[in-house]
């Protein structure tokens, strides 16, 4: 494992989403998981939520619908903002979820207390989308943790580390010895959030 940079009540997916949003609004600093795009990421997110407790998992609309509108990213951003409801939150993100997080931070940096970015899909992003990650620099470096698998095919540690450190060289970027796009690190998440 390589580390660079600074030293330093799960809600049910079933039931009424309005009730879940009410519960989300009633807590001090809620943690929200923004998983990757594919349905298999739902299992990852729910597993992490189970390990951490008191975590809200955002479910992408396309997981339950065949249709994906052309403006689906903006639709999802608005849905997440509704779940956050103006409160300060911690975000645990994976893959495409990292992009949604930076979009949210760009709009309202003060809403994010701590940010965990796992598996930044650098090889899948356009130059314009990569530029959006500059928003991470609006959060104090000690409140940002990046975890990247050493040889993740969507972006290796060797590619992601300099990308992140161009935003802020004080952000902690951790390399994990895996060669896939899986991020089973709830203990790291827990340690960082507490």
N, C-alpha and C. Protein backbone atom coordinates (compact mmCIF):
# COMPACT_ATOMS: atom_id res chain seq x y z
N UNK A 1 0.85 -1.17 0.00
CA UNK A 1 0.00 0.00 0.00
C UNK A 1 0.90 1.23 0.00
N UNK A 2 0.56 2.19 -0.83
CA UNK A 2 1.29 3.45 -0.93
C UNK A 2 0.35 4.57 -0.54
N UNK A 3 0.84 5.48 0.29
CA UNK A 3 0.03 6.64 0.68
C UNK A 3 0.83 7.89 0.35
N UNK A 4 0.21 8.81 -0.35
CA UNK A 4 0.86 10.08 -0.63
C UNK A 4 -0.05 11.21 -0.18
N UNK A 5 0.54 12.37 0.04
CA UNK A 5 -0.26 13.52 0.47
C UNK A 5 -0.08 13.77 1.95
N UNK A 6 -0.99 14.48 2.56
CA UNK A 6 -0.91 14.85 3.96
C UNK A 6 -1.03 13.63 4.87
N UNK A 7 -0.29 13.61 6.01
CA UNK A 7 -0.55 12.55 6.97
C UNK A 7 -1.92 12.79 7.62
N UNK A 8 -2.10 12.30 7.93
CA UNK A 8 -3.41 12.60 8.59
C UNK A 8 -4.47 11.44 8.96
N UNK A 9 -27.69 4.94 10.47
CA UNK A 9 -28.64 3.83 10.41
C UNK A 9 -29.03 3.61 8.96
N UNK A 10 -28.11 2.69 8.41
CA UNK A 10 -28.43 2.39 7.02
C UNK A 10 -29.92 2.45 6.76
N UNK A 11 -30.34 3.16 5.68
CA UNK A 11 -31.74 3.23 5.29
C UNK A 11 -32.06 2.11 4.33
N UNK A 12 -33.19 1.56 4.44
CA UNK A 12 -33.61 0.45 3.59
C UNK A 12 -33.85 0.91 2.16
N UNK A 13 -33.38 0.10 1.17
CA UNK A 13 -33.67 0.47 -0.21
C UNK A 13 -35.13 0.26 -0.56
N UNK A 14 -35.87 -0.46 0.28
CA UNK A 14 -37.29 -0.64 0.04
C UNK A 14 -38.06 0.49 0.73
N UNK A 15 -39.30 0.59 0.40
CA UNK A 15 -40.15 1.54 1.12
C UNK A 15 -40.20 2.90 0.45
N UNK A 16 -40.78 3.83 1.16
CA UNK A 16 -41.05 5.16 0.64
C UNK A 16 -39.80 6.01 0.66
N UNK A 17 -39.36 6.48 -0.53
CA UNK A 17 -38.16 7.32 -0.62
C UNK A 17 -38.37 8.65 0.09
N UNK A 18 -39.60 9.12 0.17
CA UNK A 18 -39.86 10.35 0.92
C UNK A 18 -39.53 10.18 2.38
N UNK A 19 -39.86 9.02 2.94
CA UNK A 19 -39.54 8.73 4.33
C UNK A 19 -38.03 8.70 4.52
N UNK A 20 -37.31 8.06 3.57
CA UNK A 20 -35.86 8.02 3.65
C UNK A 20 -35.28 9.42 3.59
N UNK A 21 -35.79 10.26 2.71
CA UNK A 21 -35.30 11.63 2.61
C UNK A 21 -35.55 12.38 3.91
N UNK A 22 -36.70 12.14 4.55
CA UNK A 22 -36.99 12.76 5.84
C UNK A 22 -35.96 12.33 6.88
N UNK A 23 -35.64 11.05 6.91
CA UNK A 23 -34.63 10.57 7.86
C UNK A 23 -33.29 11.19 7.57
N UNK A 24 -32.93 11.31 6.29
CA UNK A 24 -31.68 11.91 5.90
C UNK A 24 -31.60 13.35 6.39
N UNK A 25 -32.68 14.10 6.25
CA UNK A 25 -32.69 15.51 6.68
C UNK A 25 -32.60 15.65 8.19
N UNK A 26 -32.96 14.62 8.94
CA UNK A 26 -33.05 14.77 10.39
C UNK A 26 -31.73 14.48 11.10
N UNK A 27 -30.66 14.15 10.40
CA UNK A 27 -29.39 13.84 11.05
C UNK A 27 -28.42 15.00 10.90
N UNK A 28 -27.42 15.03 11.78
CA UNK A 28 -26.42 16.10 11.74
C UNK A 28 -25.57 15.99 10.48
N UNK A 29 -24.62 15.05 10.46
CA UNK A 29 -23.82 14.84 9.27
C UNK A 29 -24.06 13.43 8.78
N UNK A 30 -24.85 13.32 7.75
CA UNK A 30 -25.19 12.03 7.15
C UNK A 30 -24.09 11.64 6.17
N UNK A 31 -23.89 10.35 6.03
CA UNK A 31 -22.97 9.85 5.01
C UNK A 31 -23.81 9.27 3.89
N UNK A 32 -23.46 9.65 2.67
CA UNK A 32 -24.17 9.18 1.48
C UNK A 32 -23.17 8.46 0.58
N UNK A 33 -23.58 7.32 0.05
CA UNK A 33 -22.76 6.59 -0.91
C UNK A 33 -23.30 6.87 -2.31
N UNK A 34 -22.40 7.32 -3.18
CA UNK A 34 -22.71 7.50 -4.60
C UNK A 34 -21.90 6.42 -5.33
N UNK A 35 -22.55 5.31 -5.66
CA UNK A 35 -21.83 4.18 -6.25
C UNK A 35 -21.53 4.38 -7.73
N UNK A 36 -20.92 3.36 -8.31
CA UNK A 36 -20.64 3.35 -9.74
C UNK A 36 -21.91 3.17 -10.54
N UNK A 37 -21.78 3.24 -11.84
CA UNK A 37 -22.91 3.25 -12.78
C UNK A 37 -23.68 1.93 -12.85
N UNK A 38 -22.98 0.81 -12.95
CA UNK A 38 -23.65 -0.47 -13.21
C UNK A 38 -24.37 -1.00 -11.98
N UNK A 39 -25.35 -1.84 -12.23
CA UNK A 39 -26.18 -2.40 -11.16
C UNK A 39 -25.36 -3.19 -10.15
N UNK A 40 -24.25 -3.79 -10.58
CA UNK A 40 -23.43 -4.56 -9.64
C UNK A 40 -22.88 -3.67 -8.52
N UNK A 41 -22.80 -2.38 -8.76
CA UNK A 41 -22.32 -1.45 -7.73
C UNK A 41 -23.32 -1.29 -6.58
N UNK A 42 -24.56 -1.65 -6.83
CA UNK A 42 -25.57 -1.59 -5.77
C UNK A 42 -25.17 -2.53 -4.62
N UNK A 43 -24.70 -3.73 -4.97
CA UNK A 43 -24.26 -4.67 -3.94
C UNK A 43 -23.08 -4.12 -3.15
N UNK A 44 -22.12 -3.50 -3.86
CA UNK A 44 -20.97 -2.89 -3.19
C UNK A 44 -21.44 -1.82 -2.20
N UNK A 45 -22.31 -0.93 -2.67
CA UNK A 45 -22.77 0.18 -1.84
C UNK A 45 -23.53 -0.32 -0.62
N UNK A 46 -24.40 -1.30 -0.81
CA UNK A 46 -25.17 -1.81 0.32
C UNK A 46 -24.29 -2.59 1.30
N UNK A 47 -23.26 -3.24 0.80
CA UNK A 47 -22.31 -3.93 1.67
C UNK A 47 -21.54 -2.93 2.52
N UNK A 48 -21.08 -1.85 1.90
CA UNK A 48 -20.37 -0.80 2.63
C UNK A 48 -21.30 -0.17 3.66
N UNK A 49 -22.53 0.10 3.26
CA UNK A 49 -23.50 0.71 4.18
C UNK A 49 -23.74 -0.19 5.39
N UNK A 50 -23.84 -1.48 5.15
CA UNK A 50 -24.05 -2.44 6.24
C UNK A 50 -22.87 -2.41 7.21
N UNK A 51 -21.65 -2.35 6.67
CA UNK A 51 -20.45 -2.30 7.50
C UNK A 51 -20.38 -1.01 8.33
N UNK A 52 -20.76 0.10 7.74
CA UNK A 52 -20.62 1.40 8.40
C UNK A 52 -21.81 1.76 9.28
N UNK A 53 -23.01 1.34 8.88
CA UNK A 53 -24.22 1.76 9.59
C UNK A 53 -24.48 3.24 9.37
N UNK A 54 -25.70 3.68 9.59
CA UNK A 54 -26.09 5.10 9.45
C UNK A 54 -25.65 5.71 8.13
N UNK A 55 -25.82 4.98 7.05
CA UNK A 55 -25.40 5.45 5.74
C UNK A 55 -26.57 5.35 4.77
N UNK A 56 -26.69 6.36 3.92
CA UNK A 56 -27.73 6.39 2.90
C UNK A 56 -27.11 6.03 1.56
N UNK A 57 -27.67 5.07 0.86
CA UNK A 57 -27.19 4.68 -0.46
C UNK A 57 -28.07 5.33 -1.52
N UNK A 58 -27.44 6.10 -2.40
CA UNK A 58 -28.19 6.67 -3.52
C UNK A 58 -28.36 5.59 -4.57
N UNK A 59 -29.59 5.40 -5.03
CA UNK A 59 -29.89 4.42 -6.09
C UNK A 59 -30.09 5.17 -7.40
N UNK A 60 -29.29 4.82 -8.39
CA UNK A 60 -29.42 5.44 -9.71
C UNK A 60 -30.74 5.04 -10.34
N UNK A 61 -31.39 5.97 -10.97
CA UNK A 61 -32.69 5.72 -11.60
C UNK A 61 -32.62 4.62 -12.65
N UNK A 62 -31.53 4.54 -13.39
CA UNK A 62 -31.44 3.54 -14.46
C UNK A 62 -31.31 2.11 -13.92
N UNK A 63 -31.12 1.94 -12.62
CA UNK A 63 -31.10 0.59 -12.04
C UNK A 63 -32.49 -0.04 -12.08
N UNK A 64 -33.51 0.77 -12.08
CA UNK A 64 -34.88 0.23 -12.06
C UNK A 64 -35.69 0.62 -13.29
N UNK A 65 -35.12 1.37 -14.18
CA UNK A 65 -35.84 1.82 -15.37
C UNK A 65 -35.03 1.51 -16.62
N UNK A 66 -35.72 1.11 -17.65
CA UNK A 66 -35.06 0.83 -18.92
C UNK A 66 -34.62 2.12 -19.61
N UNK A 67 -35.32 3.20 -19.33
CA UNK A 67 -35.06 4.47 -20.01
C UNK A 67 -34.03 5.30 -19.26
N UNK A 68 -33.17 5.94 -20.03
CA UNK A 68 -32.21 6.89 -19.46
C UNK A 68 -32.32 8.15 -20.30
N UNK A 69 -32.91 9.21 -19.73
CA UNK A 69 -33.08 10.45 -20.51
C UNK A 69 -31.72 11.04 -20.89
N UNK A 70 -31.69 11.82 -21.96
CA UNK A 70 -30.42 12.42 -22.41
C UNK A 70 -29.76 13.28 -21.32
N UNK A 71 -30.56 13.88 -20.48
CA UNK A 71 -30.03 14.74 -19.42
C UNK A 71 -29.98 14.00 -18.08
N UNK A 72 -29.74 12.69 -18.11
CA UNK A 72 -29.81 11.86 -16.91
C UNK A 72 -28.85 12.32 -15.82
N UNK A 73 -27.69 12.85 -16.20
CA UNK A 73 -26.73 13.30 -15.18
C UNK A 73 -27.32 14.46 -14.39
N UNK A 74 -27.89 15.44 -15.08
CA UNK A 74 -28.50 16.58 -14.40
C UNK A 74 -29.70 16.14 -13.56
N UNK A 75 -30.47 15.18 -14.06
CA UNK A 75 -31.62 14.65 -13.31
C UNK A 75 -31.14 14.00 -12.01
N UNK A 76 -30.09 13.20 -12.10
CA UNK A 76 -29.56 12.54 -10.91
C UNK A 76 -28.97 13.55 -9.93
N UNK A 77 -28.28 14.56 -10.44
CA UNK A 77 -27.72 15.61 -9.56
C UNK A 77 -28.85 16.25 -8.75
N UNK A 78 -29.94 16.59 -9.42
CA UNK A 78 -31.07 17.20 -8.71
C UNK A 78 -31.68 16.25 -7.68
N UNK A 79 -31.75 14.98 -8.02
CA UNK A 79 -32.27 13.97 -7.10
C UNK A 79 -31.38 13.88 -5.85
N UNK A 80 -30.07 13.86 -6.06
CA UNK A 80 -29.13 13.80 -4.92
C UNK A 80 -29.24 15.06 -4.08
N UNK A 81 -29.33 16.21 -4.73
CA UNK A 81 -29.48 17.47 -3.98
C UNK A 81 -30.74 17.44 -3.13
N UNK A 82 -31.81 16.83 -3.64
CA UNK A 82 -33.03 16.68 -2.85
C UNK A 82 -32.83 15.78 -1.65
N UNK A 83 -32.04 14.73 -1.81
CA UNK A 83 -31.74 13.83 -0.69
C UNK A 83 -30.89 14.53 0.36
N UNK A 84 -29.98 15.37 -0.09
CA UNK A 84 -29.11 16.11 0.83
C UNK A 84 -29.89 17.21 1.53
N UNK A 85 -30.79 17.87 0.79
CA UNK A 85 -31.67 18.90 1.31
C UNK A 85 -30.93 20.02 2.04
N UNK A 86 -29.81 20.46 1.48
CA UNK A 86 -29.10 21.60 2.04
C UNK A 86 -28.25 21.31 3.26
N UNK A 87 -28.20 20.06 3.68
CA UNK A 87 -27.41 19.70 4.86
C UNK A 87 -25.96 19.43 4.48
N UNK A 88 -25.10 19.42 5.49
CA UNK A 88 -23.71 19.04 5.27
C UNK A 88 -23.62 17.52 5.36
N UNK A 89 -22.90 16.89 4.42
CA UNK A 89 -22.81 15.44 4.36
C UNK A 89 -21.38 14.99 4.13
N UNK A 90 -21.15 13.70 4.42
CA UNK A 90 -19.95 13.01 4.00
C UNK A 90 -20.33 12.21 2.76
N UNK A 91 -19.43 12.14 1.79
CA UNK A 91 -19.70 11.37 0.58
C UNK A 91 -18.66 10.27 0.41
N UNK A 92 -19.14 9.06 0.20
CA UNK A 92 -18.29 7.94 -0.20
C UNK A 92 -18.68 7.63 -1.63
N UNK A 93 -17.73 7.70 -2.53
CA UNK A 93 -18.05 7.57 -3.94
C UNK A 93 -17.15 6.53 -4.61
N UNK A 94 -17.70 5.95 -5.66
CA UNK A 94 -16.93 4.96 -6.43
C UNK A 94 -17.18 5.21 -7.91
N UNK A 95 -16.10 5.17 -8.68
CA UNK A 95 -16.17 5.22 -10.14
C UNK A 95 -16.94 6.45 -10.61
N UNK A 96 -18.01 6.25 -11.37
CA UNK A 96 -18.77 7.39 -11.87
C UNK A 96 -19.37 8.23 -10.74
N UNK A 97 -19.60 7.62 -9.59
CA UNK A 97 -20.07 8.37 -8.43
C UNK A 97 -19.11 9.49 -8.04
N UNK A 98 -17.81 9.32 -8.34
CA UNK A 98 -16.84 10.38 -8.04
C UNK A 98 -17.14 11.62 -8.88
N UNK A 99 -17.57 11.41 -10.12
CA UNK A 99 -17.90 12.54 -10.99
C UNK A 99 -19.12 13.29 -10.47
N UNK A 100 -20.12 12.56 -10.01
CA UNK A 100 -21.30 13.21 -9.44
C UNK A 100 -20.92 14.01 -8.20
N UNK A 101 -20.02 13.46 -7.40
CA UNK A 101 -19.59 14.18 -6.19
C UNK A 101 -18.93 15.50 -6.54
N UNK A 102 -18.03 15.48 -7.53
CA UNK A 102 -17.35 16.73 -7.86
C UNK A 102 -18.31 17.75 -8.46
N UNK A 103 -19.30 17.29 -9.18
CA UNK A 103 -20.32 18.21 -9.69
C UNK A 103 -21.08 18.86 -8.53
N UNK A 104 -21.41 18.06 -7.53
CA UNK A 104 -22.11 18.60 -6.36
C UNK A 104 -21.23 19.57 -5.59
N UNK A 105 -19.97 19.21 -5.41
CA UNK A 105 -19.03 20.07 -4.69
C UNK A 105 -18.83 21.38 -5.44
N UNK A 106 -18.77 21.30 -6.75
CA UNK A 106 -18.60 22.52 -7.56
C UNK A 106 -19.74 23.50 -7.31
N UNK A 107 -20.96 22.98 -7.23
CA UNK A 107 -22.13 23.84 -7.01
C UNK A 107 -22.20 24.37 -5.58
N UNK A 108 -21.90 23.48 -4.61
CA UNK A 108 -22.03 23.85 -3.19
C UNK A 108 -20.92 23.20 -2.37
N UNK A 109 -19.72 23.77 -2.36
CA UNK A 109 -18.62 23.14 -1.64
C UNK A 109 -18.88 22.96 -0.14
N UNK A 110 -19.64 23.85 0.44
CA UNK A 110 -19.88 23.78 1.89
C UNK A 110 -20.75 22.60 2.30
N UNK A 111 -21.42 21.94 1.34
CA UNK A 111 -22.28 20.82 1.71
C UNK A 111 -21.48 19.56 2.03
N UNK A 112 -20.21 19.52 1.63
CA UNK A 112 -19.41 18.30 1.80
C UNK A 112 -18.44 18.46 2.96
N UNK A 113 -18.66 17.70 4.02
CA UNK A 113 -17.74 17.73 5.15
C UNK A 113 -16.51 16.89 4.83
N UNK A 114 -16.72 15.62 4.47
CA UNK A 114 -15.61 14.74 4.09
C UNK A 114 -15.97 14.04 2.79
N UNK A 115 -14.94 13.80 1.98
CA UNK A 115 -15.14 13.23 0.65
C UNK A 115 -14.16 12.09 0.44
N UNK A 116 -14.70 10.91 0.10
CA UNK A 116 -13.89 9.75 -0.25
C UNK A 116 -14.16 9.44 -1.72
N UNK A 117 -13.10 9.45 -2.50
CA UNK A 117 -13.19 9.15 -3.93
C UNK A 117 -12.47 7.83 -4.19
N UNK A 118 -13.19 6.80 -4.60
CA UNK A 118 -12.61 5.49 -4.90
C UNK A 118 -12.71 5.20 -6.39
N UNK A 119 -11.63 4.76 -6.96
CA UNK A 119 -11.68 4.33 -8.35
C UNK A 119 -12.05 5.42 -9.32
N UNK A 120 -11.38 6.55 -9.24
CA UNK A 120 -11.65 7.63 -10.20
C UNK A 120 -11.45 7.05 -11.60
N UNK A 121 -12.49 7.08 -12.45
CA UNK A 121 -12.40 6.45 -13.77
C UNK A 121 -11.73 7.37 -14.80
N UNK A 122 -10.50 7.72 -14.53
CA UNK A 122 -9.78 8.71 -15.33
C UNK A 122 -9.76 8.36 -16.82
N UNK A 123 -9.62 7.08 -17.13
CA UNK A 123 -9.54 6.66 -18.54
C UNK A 123 -10.89 6.73 -19.26
N UNK A 124 -11.97 6.92 -18.52
CA UNK A 124 -13.31 6.95 -19.10
C UNK A 124 -13.88 8.37 -19.20
N UNK A 125 -13.13 9.35 -18.74
CA UNK A 125 -13.62 10.72 -18.67
C UNK A 125 -13.11 11.56 -19.83
N UNK A 126 -13.96 12.47 -20.30
CA UNK A 126 -13.53 13.44 -21.30
C UNK A 126 -12.66 14.50 -20.62
N UNK A 127 -11.97 15.30 -21.40
CA UNK A 127 -11.17 16.39 -20.82
C UNK A 127 -12.05 17.36 -20.04
N UNK A 128 -13.25 17.62 -20.55
CA UNK A 128 -14.18 18.51 -19.86
C UNK A 128 -14.58 17.92 -18.51
N UNK A 129 -14.87 16.62 -18.49
CA UNK A 129 -15.25 15.96 -17.23
C UNK A 129 -14.07 15.94 -16.26
N UNK A 130 -12.86 15.71 -16.75
CA UNK A 130 -11.67 15.74 -15.88
C UNK A 130 -11.51 17.11 -15.24
N UNK A 131 -11.79 18.16 -16.01
CA UNK A 131 -11.66 19.52 -15.49
C UNK A 131 -12.60 19.78 -14.32
N UNK A 132 -13.74 19.10 -14.31
CA UNK A 132 -14.71 19.26 -13.21
C UNK A 132 -14.10 18.86 -11.86
N UNK A 133 -13.12 17.95 -11.87
CA UNK A 133 -12.49 17.48 -10.63
C UNK A 133 -11.73 18.58 -9.90
N UNK A 134 -11.47 19.69 -10.56
CA UNK A 134 -10.82 20.83 -9.89
C UNK A 134 -11.63 21.27 -8.67
N UNK A 135 -12.92 20.99 -8.67
CA UNK A 135 -13.78 21.36 -7.54
C UNK A 135 -13.32 20.73 -6.23
N UNK A 136 -12.64 19.60 -6.32
CA UNK A 136 -12.15 18.93 -5.10
C UNK A 136 -11.22 19.88 -4.33
N UNK A 137 -10.54 20.76 -5.03
CA UNK A 137 -9.65 21.72 -4.39
C UNK A 137 -10.36 22.72 -3.49
N UNK A 138 -11.69 22.78 -3.57
CA UNK A 138 -12.46 23.68 -2.70
C UNK A 138 -12.69 23.10 -1.31
N UNK A 139 -12.35 21.83 -1.14
CA UNK A 139 -12.51 21.16 0.16
C UNK A 139 -11.13 21.09 0.80
N UNK A 140 -11.01 21.35 2.11
CA UNK A 140 -9.69 21.21 2.75
C UNK A 140 -9.10 19.82 2.49
N UNK A 141 -7.81 19.77 2.17
CA UNK A 141 -7.15 18.51 1.80
C UNK A 141 -7.32 17.43 2.85
N UNK A 142 -7.32 17.82 4.12
CA UNK A 142 -7.45 16.82 5.18
C UNK A 142 -8.84 16.18 5.22
N UNK A 143 -9.78 16.74 4.47
CA UNK A 143 -11.14 16.19 4.41
C UNK A 143 -11.40 15.40 3.13
N UNK A 144 -10.33 15.14 2.37
CA UNK A 144 -10.46 14.38 1.13
C UNK A 144 -9.53 13.17 1.18
N UNK A 145 -10.07 12.02 0.81
CA UNK A 145 -9.28 10.79 0.71
C UNK A 145 -9.56 10.17 -0.65
N UNK A 146 -8.50 9.85 -1.38
CA UNK A 146 -8.62 9.17 -2.67
C UNK A 146 -8.00 7.78 -2.51
N UNK A 147 -8.76 6.76 -2.91
CA UNK A 147 -8.26 5.39 -2.91
C UNK A 147 -8.33 4.88 -4.34
N UNK A 148 -7.18 4.43 -4.84
CA UNK A 148 -7.12 3.95 -6.22
C UNK A 148 -6.36 2.63 -6.23
N UNK A 149 -6.97 1.61 -6.82
CA UNK A 149 -6.28 0.33 -6.95
C UNK A 149 -5.09 0.50 -7.88
N UNK A 150 -4.02 -0.20 -7.56
CA UNK A 150 -2.75 -0.05 -8.27
C UNK A 150 -2.88 -0.19 -9.78
N UNK A 151 -3.62 -1.20 -10.24
CA UNK A 151 -3.75 -1.39 -11.68
C UNK A 151 -5.21 -1.47 -12.11
N UNK A 152 -6.01 -0.56 -11.59
CA UNK A 152 -7.41 -0.42 -12.00
C UNK A 152 -7.42 -0.05 -13.48
N UNK A 153 -8.14 -0.80 -14.30
CA UNK A 153 -8.15 -0.54 -15.75
C UNK A 153 -8.86 0.76 -16.12
N UNK A 154 -9.65 1.32 -15.21
CA UNK A 154 -10.33 2.59 -15.48
C UNK A 154 -9.44 3.79 -15.12
N UNK A 155 -8.33 3.49 -14.48
CA UNK A 155 -7.37 4.52 -14.07
C UNK A 155 -6.46 3.92 -13.02
N UNK A 156 -5.18 3.79 -13.33
CA UNK A 156 -4.25 3.19 -12.38
C UNK A 156 -3.86 4.23 -11.32
N UNK A 157 -3.28 3.74 -10.25
CA UNK A 157 -2.76 4.64 -9.23
C UNK A 157 -1.74 5.60 -9.85
N UNK A 158 -0.87 5.08 -10.70
CA UNK A 158 0.17 5.90 -11.32
C UNK A 158 -0.41 7.02 -12.20
N UNK A 159 -1.62 6.84 -12.70
CA UNK A 159 -2.29 7.88 -13.50
C UNK A 159 -3.08 8.85 -12.61
N UNK A 160 -3.75 8.30 -11.60
CA UNK A 160 -4.65 9.11 -10.76
C UNK A 160 -3.88 9.97 -9.76
N UNK A 161 -2.82 9.45 -9.21
CA UNK A 161 -2.08 10.20 -8.17
C UNK A 161 -1.60 11.56 -8.67
N UNK A 162 -0.91 11.65 -9.83
CA UNK A 162 -0.51 12.99 -10.29
C UNK A 162 -1.69 13.88 -10.69
N UNK A 163 -2.74 13.26 -11.20
CA UNK A 163 -3.96 14.01 -11.55
C UNK A 163 -4.53 14.70 -10.31
N UNK A 164 -4.65 13.95 -9.22
CA UNK A 164 -5.18 14.51 -7.97
C UNK A 164 -4.22 15.54 -7.38
N UNK A 165 -2.93 15.24 -7.41
CA UNK A 165 -1.97 16.16 -6.80
C UNK A 165 -1.77 17.44 -7.61
N UNK A 166 -2.22 17.46 -8.86
CA UNK A 166 -2.24 18.73 -9.60
C UNK A 166 -3.36 19.62 -9.07
N UNK A 167 -4.39 19.02 -8.52
CA UNK A 167 -5.49 19.78 -7.91
C UNK A 167 -5.04 20.33 -6.56
N UNK A 168 -4.47 19.44 -5.75
CA UNK A 168 -3.95 19.84 -4.44
C UNK A 168 -2.94 18.77 -4.00
N UNK A 169 -1.66 19.12 -3.89
CA UNK A 169 -0.64 18.13 -3.52
C UNK A 169 -0.77 17.61 -2.09
N UNK A 170 -1.61 18.23 -1.29
CA UNK A 170 -1.79 17.80 0.10
C UNK A 170 -2.88 16.73 0.27
N UNK A 171 -3.64 16.45 -0.77
CA UNK A 171 -4.68 15.42 -0.69
C UNK A 171 -4.04 14.05 -0.56
N UNK A 172 -4.54 13.25 0.37
CA UNK A 172 -4.03 11.90 0.56
C UNK A 172 -4.57 10.99 -0.54
N UNK A 173 -3.64 10.34 -1.24
CA UNK A 173 -3.99 9.38 -2.29
C UNK A 173 -3.38 8.04 -1.89
N UNK A 174 -4.23 7.05 -1.72
CA UNK A 174 -3.79 5.73 -1.25
C UNK A 174 -3.85 4.74 -2.41
N UNK A 175 -2.79 3.97 -2.58
CA UNK A 175 -2.75 2.90 -3.57
C UNK A 175 -3.05 1.58 -2.87
N UNK A 176 -3.97 0.82 -3.46
CA UNK A 176 -4.28 -0.52 -2.94
C UNK A 176 -3.79 -1.56 -3.93
N UNK A 177 -3.27 -2.69 -3.44
CA UNK A 177 -2.68 -3.70 -4.31
C UNK A 177 -3.71 -4.62 -4.97
N UNK A 178 -4.53 -4.04 -5.82
CA UNK A 178 -5.52 -4.81 -6.57
C UNK A 178 -5.40 -4.45 -8.04
N UNK A 179 -5.90 -5.36 -8.88
CA UNK A 179 -5.84 -5.12 -10.33
C UNK A 179 -7.23 -5.04 -10.94
N UNK A 180 -8.19 -4.56 -10.14
CA UNK A 180 -9.57 -4.48 -10.62
C UNK A 180 -10.20 -3.16 -10.20
N UNK A 181 -11.49 -3.04 -10.43
CA UNK A 181 -12.23 -1.81 -10.14
C UNK A 181 -13.16 -2.01 -8.94
N UNK A 182 -12.79 -2.93 -8.06
CA UNK A 182 -13.55 -3.20 -6.84
C UNK A 182 -12.88 -2.46 -5.68
N UNK A 183 -13.69 -1.95 -4.77
CA UNK A 183 -13.17 -1.15 -3.66
C UNK A 183 -13.79 -1.59 -2.33
N UNK A 184 -13.40 -2.78 -1.84
CA UNK A 184 -13.96 -3.32 -0.60
C UNK A 184 -13.18 -2.84 0.63
N UNK A 185 -13.24 -1.56 0.92
CA UNK A 185 -12.41 -0.98 1.97
C UNK A 185 -13.21 -0.26 3.06
N UNK A 186 -14.25 -0.88 3.62
CA UNK A 186 -15.06 -0.16 4.61
C UNK A 186 -14.29 0.27 5.86
N UNK A 187 -13.26 -0.49 6.22
CA UNK A 187 -12.47 -0.09 7.40
C UNK A 187 -11.72 1.21 7.13
N UNK A 188 -11.19 1.37 5.92
CA UNK A 188 -10.53 2.62 5.56
C UNK A 188 -11.52 3.78 5.58
N UNK A 189 -12.73 3.53 5.08
CA UNK A 189 -13.77 4.56 5.07
C UNK A 189 -14.10 4.97 6.50
N UNK A 190 -14.32 3.96 7.34
CA UNK A 190 -14.69 4.21 8.74
C UNK A 190 -13.59 5.02 9.45
N UNK A 191 -12.34 4.60 9.27
CA UNK A 191 -11.22 5.31 9.91
C UNK A 191 -11.17 6.77 9.48
N UNK A 192 -11.38 7.03 8.20
CA UNK A 192 -11.30 8.40 7.69
C UNK A 192 -12.47 9.25 8.18
N UNK A 193 -13.65 8.67 8.27
CA UNK A 193 -14.83 9.44 8.65
C UNK A 193 -14.93 9.71 10.14
N UNK A 194 -14.17 8.96 10.95
CA UNK A 194 -14.25 9.17 12.41
C UNK A 194 -13.08 9.96 12.93
